[in-house]
Amino acid sequence: MHPVTGRSHAGWDCLRRWGPICLWLMTISAFSSETFSAAETGRFLEPFLRWALPGATAGMIQSLHGVIRKGMHVAEYAVLALLWYRGLTWGKRGWQPAAILTAFGLSVLTALGDEGRQAFEPARTASAMDVALDSLGAVCGLASWGVLAGALQLGKQANALEEKPPERLRIPAGD
């Protein structure tokens, strides 16, 4: 094997393994900027909600806006935890409990850092509740993956039990 090709292949594997996490961390960082503050997202979400729910009161629209924003915390960190788990278990098979705990811990550390950074953004505020929602998202993401992986594994085992064993070849003794 050519040494350059080996390095190139290793670099590509590294990019495939850790690239999605880096992109998602940049996405989370962008969502934490002034551009995605409540005032800014309200300019787009609230008119949409008024259109989608014409009978809703102004208070309901504001509440829904808040619920959507907080729900995004859960969704963002569910994806992040799954990407951490994917990166940590790259090339391994089966359920990896240590990787689950590490993925959760890295997600919580990211949430703490993100909220700390928001404390210095003029249009944003840092919130322990947001860290809790981010942590909940990480747990939901990892738990859903565990349930899905478990269901897939049970399906494979059930299919294996239903398969008939191969029949023996019968060679006629002759005519």
C-alpha atoms as a PDB file:
ATOM      1  CA  MET A   1       0.000   0.000   0.000  1.00  0.00           C
ATOM      2  CA  HIS A   2       1.248   3.448  -0.890  1.00  0.00           C
ATOM      3  CA  PRO A   3       1.899   5.584   2.243  1.00  0.00           C
ATOM      4  CA  VAL A   4       0.089   8.603   0.816  1.00  0.00           C
ATOM      5  CA  THR A   5      -2.959   6.497   0.020  1.00  0.00           C
ATOM      6  CA  GLY A   6      -2.973   5.140   3.579  1.00  0.00           C
ATOM      7  CA  ARG A   7      -2.886   8.649   5.050  1.00  0.00           C
ATOM      8  CA  SER A   8      -5.522   9.826   2.643  1.00  0.00           C
ATOM      9  CA  HIS A   9      -7.776   6.923   3.589  1.00  0.00           C
ATOM     10  CA  ALA A  10      -7.197   7.576   7.297  1.00  0.00           C
ATOM     11  CA  GLY A  11      -7.987  11.260   6.779  1.00  0.00           C
ATOM     12  CA  TRP A  12     -11.188  10.388   4.960  1.00  0.00           C
ATOM     13  CA  ASP A  13     -12.203   8.011   7.785  1.00  0.00           C
ATOM     14  CA  CYS A  14     -11.487  10.728  10.340  1.00  0.00           C
ATOM     15  CA  LEU A  15     -13.601  13.191   8.375  1.00  0.00           C
ATOM     16  CA  ARG A  16     -16.485  10.710   8.076  1.00  0.00           C
ATOM     17  CA  ARG A  17     -16.244   9.888  11.768  1.00  0.00           C
ATOM     18  CA  TRP A  18     -15.903  13.361  13.296  1.00  0.00           C
ATOM     19  CA  GLY A  19     -17.025  15.698  10.497  1.00  0.00           C
ATOM     20  CA  PRO A  20     -20.764  15.415  11.216  1.00  0.00           C
ATOM     21  CA  ILE A  21     -20.158  16.250  14.877  1.00  0.00           C
ATOM     22  CA  CYS A  22     -18.112  19.311  13.936  1.00  0.00           C
ATOM     23  CA  LEU A  23     -20.814  20.475  11.511  1.00  0.00           C
ATOM     24  CA  TRP A  24     -23.526  19.955  14.131  1.00  0.00           C
ATOM     25  CA  LEU A  25     -21.521  21.825  16.772  1.00  0.00           C
ATOM     26  CA  MET A  26     -21.215  24.735  14.329  1.00  0.00           C
ATOM     27  CA  THR A  27     -24.980  24.555  13.747  1.00  0.00           C
ATOM     28  CA  ILE A  28     -25.648  24.677  17.494  1.00  0.00           C
ATOM     29  CA  SER A  29     -23.289  27.630  17.768  1.00  0.00           C
ATOM     30  CA  ALA A  30     -25.156  29.434  14.986  1.00  0.00           C
ATOM     31  CA  PHE A  31     -28.501  28.729  16.686  1.00  0.00           C
ATOM     32  CA  SER A  32     -27.060  30.301  19.847  1.00  0.00           C
ATOM     33  CA  SER A  33     -26.194  33.560  18.138  1.00  0.00           C
ATOM     34  CA  GLU A  34     -28.166  36.804  18.080  1.00  0.00           C
ATOM     35  CA  THR A  35     -29.541  35.787  14.692  1.00  0.00           C
ATOM     36  CA  PHE A  36     -31.662  33.106  16.388  1.00  0.00           C
ATOM     37  CA  SER A  37     -32.727  35.096  19.459  1.00  0.00           C
ATOM     38  CA  ALA A  38     -36.391  34.987  20.482  1.00  0.00           C
ATOM     39  CA  ALA A  39     -36.996  38.387  18.900  1.00  0.00           C
ATOM     40  CA  GLU A  40     -35.504  37.275  15.593  1.00  0.00           C
ATOM     41  CA  THR A  41     -37.228  33.878  15.388  1.00  0.00           C
ATOM     42  CA  GLY A  42     -40.472  35.541  16.462  1.00  0.00           C
ATOM     43  CA  ARG A  43     -40.380  37.698  13.336  1.00  0.00           C
ATOM     44  CA  PHE A  44     -40.794  34.539  11.259  1.00  0.00           C
ATOM     45  CA  LEU A  45     -42.490  32.005  13.520  1.00  0.00           C
ATOM     46  CA  GLU A  46     -45.246  34.180  14.936  1.00  0.00           C
ATOM     47  CA  PRO A  47     -46.688  35.255  11.537  1.00  0.00           C
ATOM     48  CA  PHE A  48     -46.552  31.622  10.415  1.00  0.00           C
ATOM     49  CA  LEU A  49     -48.345  30.495  13.576  1.00  0.00           C
ATOM     50  CA  ARG A  50     -50.989  33.213  13.128  1.00  0.00           C
ATOM     51  CA  TRP A  51     -51.533  31.982   9.567  1.00  0.00           C
ATOM     52  CA  ALA A  52     -51.603  28.293  10.590  1.00  0.00           C
ATOM     53  CA  LEU A  53     -53.848  28.922  13.631  1.00  0.00           C
ATOM     54  CA  PRO A  54     -56.106  31.857  12.716  1.00  0.00           C
ATOM     55  CA  GLY A  55     -58.225  31.529  15.874  1.00  0.00           C
ATOM     56  CA  ALA A  56     -55.276  31.554  18.290  1.00  0.00           C
ATOM     57  CA  THR A  57     -54.877  34.441  20.689  1.00  0.00           C
ATOM     58  CA  ALA A  58     -51.689  36.513  20.857  1.00  0.00           C
ATOM     59  CA  GLY A  59     -50.838  34.780  24.139  1.00  0.00           C
ATOM     60  CA  MET A  60     -51.232  31.350  22.558  1.00  0.00           C
ATOM     61  CA  ILE A  61     -48.995  32.370  19.658  1.00  0.00           C
ATOM     62  CA  GLN A  62     -46.279  33.583  22.045  1.00  0.00           C
ATOM     63  CA  SER A  63     -46.584  30.403  24.098  1.00  0.00           C
ATOM     64  CA  LEU A  64     -46.289  28.228  21.006  1.00  0.00           C
ATOM     65  CA  HIS A  65     -43.273  30.234  19.899  1.00  0.00           C
ATOM     66  CA  GLY A  66     -41.656  29.504  23.268  1.00  0.00           C
ATOM     67  CA  VAL A  67     -42.540  25.813  23.127  1.00  0.00           C
ATOM     68  CA  ILE A  68     -41.038  25.513  19.634  1.00  0.00           C
ATOM     69  CA  ARG A  69     -37.851  27.256  20.773  1.00  0.00           C
ATOM     70  CA  LYS A  70     -37.501  25.007  23.832  1.00  0.00           C
ATOM     71  CA  GLY A  71     -38.356  21.939  21.750  1.00  0.00           C
ATOM     72  CA  MET A  72     -35.473  22.822  19.467  1.00  0.00           C
ATOM     73  CA  HIS A  73     -33.122  22.510  22.450  1.00  0.00           C
ATOM     74  CA  VAL A  74     -34.298  18.939  22.952  1.00  0.00           C
ATOM     75  CA  ALA A  75     -34.035  18.110  19.235  1.00  0.00           C
ATOM     76  CA  GLU A  76     -30.590  19.723  18.764  1.00  0.00           C
ATOM     77  CA  TYR A  77     -29.064  17.809  21.631  1.00  0.00           C
ATOM     78  CA  ALA A  78     -30.752  14.512  20.748  1.00  0.00           C
ATOM     79  CA  VAL A  79     -28.972  14.723  17.399  1.00  0.00           C
ATOM     80  CA  LEU A  80     -25.719  15.823  19.034  1.00  0.00           C
ATOM     81  CA  ALA A  81     -25.682  12.911  21.477  1.00  0.00           C
ATOM     82  CA  LEU A  82     -26.346  10.468  18.645  1.00  0.00           C
ATOM     83  CA  LEU A  83     -23.504  11.948  16.614  1.00  0.00           C
ATOM     84  CA  TRP A  84     -21.162  11.717  19.618  1.00  0.00           C
ATOM     85  CA  TYR A  85     -22.187   8.081  20.110  1.00  0.00           C
ATOM     86  CA  ARG A  86     -21.653   7.365  16.404  1.00  0.00           C
ATOM     87  CA  GLY A  87     -18.179   8.886  16.510  1.00  0.00           C
ATOM     88  CA  LEU A  88     -17.204   7.125  19.720  1.00  0.00           C
ATOM     89  CA  THR A  89     -18.359   3.708  18.523  1.00  0.00           C
ATOM     90  CA  TRP A  90     -16.959   3.994  14.994  1.00  0.00           C
ATOM     91  CA  GLY A  91     -15.936   0.543  13.806  1.00  0.00           C
ATOM     92  CA  LYS A  92     -17.353  -1.232  16.866  1.00  0.00           C
ATOM     93  CA  ARG A  93     -20.310  -3.562  16.991  1.00  0.00           C
ATOM     94  CA  GLY A  94     -23.009  -3.922  19.597  1.00  0.00           C
ATOM     95  CA  TRP A  95     -24.248  -1.707  22.369  1.00  0.00           C
ATOM     96  CA  GLN A  96     -21.462   0.332  24.024  1.00  0.00           C
ATOM     97  CA  PRO A  97     -22.544   1.503  27.527  1.00  0.00           C
ATOM     98  CA  ALA A  98     -19.317   3.453  28.156  1.00  0.00           C
ATOM     99  CA  ALA A  99     -19.808   5.316  24.871  1.00  0.00           C
ATOM    100  CA  ILE A 100     -23.397   6.135  25.896  1.00  0.00           C
ATOM    101  CA  LEU A 101     -22.189   7.756  29.110  1.00  0.00           C
ATOM    102  CA  THR A 102     -19.384   9.571  27.303  1.00  0.00           C
ATOM    103  CA  ALA A 103     -21.748  10.846  24.585  1.00  0.00           C
ATOM    104  CA  PHE A 104     -24.135  12.088  27.260  1.00  0.00           C
ATOM    105  CA  GLY A 105     -21.318  13.768  29.193  1.00  0.00           C
ATOM    106  CA  LEU A 106     -19.925  15.471  26.085  1.00  0.00           C
ATOM    107  CA  SER A 107     -23.419  16.695  25.192  1.00  0.00           C
ATOM    108  CA  VAL A 108     -23.926  18.186  28.661  1.00  0.00           C
ATOM    109  CA  LEU A 109     -20.498  19.835  28.528  1.00  0.00           C
ATOM    110  CA  THR A 110     -21.426  21.302  25.148  1.00  0.00           C
ATOM    111  CA  ALA A 111     -24.692  22.601  26.614  1.00  0.00           C
ATOM    112  CA  LEU A 112     -22.870  24.214  29.536  1.00  0.00           C
ATOM    113  CA  GLY A 113     -20.352  25.843  27.223  1.00  0.00           C
ATOM    114  CA  ASP A 114     -23.071  27.012  24.868  1.00  0.00           C
ATOM    115  CA  GLU A 115     -25.129  28.595  27.627  1.00  0.00           C
ATOM    116  CA  GLY A 116     -21.971  30.176  29.076  1.00  0.00           C
ATOM    117  CA  ARG A 117     -21.249  31.734  25.706  1.00  0.00           C
ATOM    118  CA  GLN A 118     -24.807  33.020  25.469  1.00  0.00           C
ATOM    119  CA  ALA A 119     -24.259  34.954  28.698  1.00  0.00           C
ATOM    120  CA  PHE A 120     -21.996  37.250  26.679  1.00  0.00           C
ATOM    121  CA  GLU A 121     -24.427  37.705  23.742  1.00  0.00           C
ATOM    122  CA  PRO A 122     -26.418  40.956  24.121  1.00  0.00           C
ATOM    123  CA  ALA A 123     -29.668  39.512  22.743  1.00  0.00           C
ATOM    124  CA  ARG A 124     -29.374  36.145  24.533  1.00  0.00           C
ATOM    125  CA  THR A 125     -29.494  34.941  28.116  1.00  0.00           C
ATOM    126  CA  ALA A 126     -27.879  31.930  29.713  1.00  0.00           C
ATOM    127  CA  SER A 127     -30.314  29.557  31.390  1.00  0.00           C
ATOM    128  CA  ALA A 128     -29.928  26.492  33.594  1.00  0.00           C
ATOM    129  CA  MET A 129     -33.337  25.395  32.274  1.00  0.00           C
ATOM    130  CA  ASP A 130     -31.894  25.313  28.757  1.00  0.00           C
ATOM    131  CA  VAL A 131     -29.030  23.096  29.954  1.00  0.00           C
ATOM    132  CA  ALA A 132     -31.645  20.798  31.516  1.00  0.00           C
ATOM    133  CA  LEU A 133     -33.596  20.707  28.236  1.00  0.00           C
ATOM    134  CA  ASP A 134     -30.390  20.029  26.300  1.00  0.00           C
ATOM    135  CA  SER A 135     -29.569  17.186  28.701  1.00  0.00           C
ATOM    136  CA  LEU A 136     -33.085  15.804  28.312  1.00  0.00           C
ATOM    137  CA  GLY A 137     -32.602  15.903  24.549  1.00  0.00           C
ATOM    138  CA  ALA A 138     -29.347  13.949  24.856  1.00  0.00           C
ATOM    139  CA  VAL A 139     -31.058  11.315  27.010  1.00  0.00           C
ATOM    140  CA  CYS A 140     -34.003  11.083  24.577  1.00  0.00           C
ATOM    141  CA  GLY A 141     -31.707  10.713  21.573  1.00  0.00           C
ATOM    142  CA  LEU A 142     -29.574   8.020  23.168  1.00  0.00           C
ATOM    143  CA  ALA A 143     -32.573   6.186  24.645  1.00  0.00           C
ATOM    144  CA  SER A 144     -34.399   6.187  21.319  1.00  0.00           C
ATOM    145  CA  TRP A 145     -31.301   4.787  19.645  1.00  0.00           C
ATOM    146  CA  GLY A 146     -31.090   2.107  22.329  1.00  0.00           C
ATOM    147  CA  VAL A 147     -34.734   1.147  21.821  1.00  0.00           C
ATOM    148  CA  LEU A 148     -34.360   1.110  18.037  1.00  0.00           C
ATOM    149  CA  ALA A 149     -31.127  -0.896  18.171  1.00  0.00           C
ATOM    150  CA  GLY A 150     -32.730  -3.334  20.615  1.00  0.00           C
ATOM    151  CA  ALA A 151     -35.802  -3.742  18.416  1.00  0.00           C
ATOM    152  CA  LEU A 152     -33.639  -4.346  15.358  1.00  0.00           C
ATOM    153  CA  GLN A 153     -31.591  -6.915  17.261  1.00  0.00           C
ATOM    154  CA  LEU A 154     -34.744  -8.709  18.442  1.00  0.00           C
ATOM    155  CA  GLY A 155     -36.011  -8.700  14.863  1.00  0.00           C
ATOM    156  CA  LYS A 156     -32.792 -10.293  13.660  1.00  0.00           C
ATOM    157  CA  GLN A 157     -33.015 -12.960  16.380  1.00  0.00           C
ATOM    158  CA  ALA A 158     -36.662 -13.706  15.536  1.00  0.00           C
ATOM    159  CA  ASN A 159     -35.830 -14.016  11.842  1.00  0.00           C
ATOM    160  CA  ALA A 160     -32.927 -16.315  12.644  1.00  0.00           C
ATOM    161  CA  LEU A 161     -35.229 -18.580  14.668  1.00  0.00           C
ATOM    162  CA  GLU A 162     -37.779 -18.739  11.849  1.00  0.00           C
ATOM    163  CA  GLU A 163     -35.247 -19.776   9.233  1.00  0.00           C
ATOM    164  CA  LYS A 164     -35.273 -23.424   8.341  1.00  0.00           C
ATOM    165  CA  PRO A 165     -31.996 -25.233   8.669  1.00  0.00           C
ATOM    166  CA  PRO A 166     -30.467 -26.202   5.353  1.00  0.00           C
ATOM    167  CA  GLU A 167     -31.539 -29.580   4.141  1.00  0.00           C
ATOM    168  CA  ARG A 168     -28.869 -32.174   3.579  1.00  0.00           C
ATOM    169  CA  LEU A 169     -27.875 -32.907   0.081  1.00  0.00           C
ATOM    170  CA  ARG A 170     -29.118 -36.245  -1.009  1.00  0.00           C
ATOM    171  CA  ILE A 171     -27.097 -37.978  -3.613  1.00  0.00           C
ATOM    172  CA  PRO A 172     -28.893 -40.853  -5.205  1.00  0.00           C
ATOM    173  CA  ALA A 173     -27.085 -44.168  -4.698  1.00  0.00           C
ATOM    174  CA  GLY A 174     -27.450 -44.948  -8.330  1.00  0.00           C
ATOM    175  CA  ASP A 175     -29.907 -46.344 -10.788  1.00  0.00           C
END
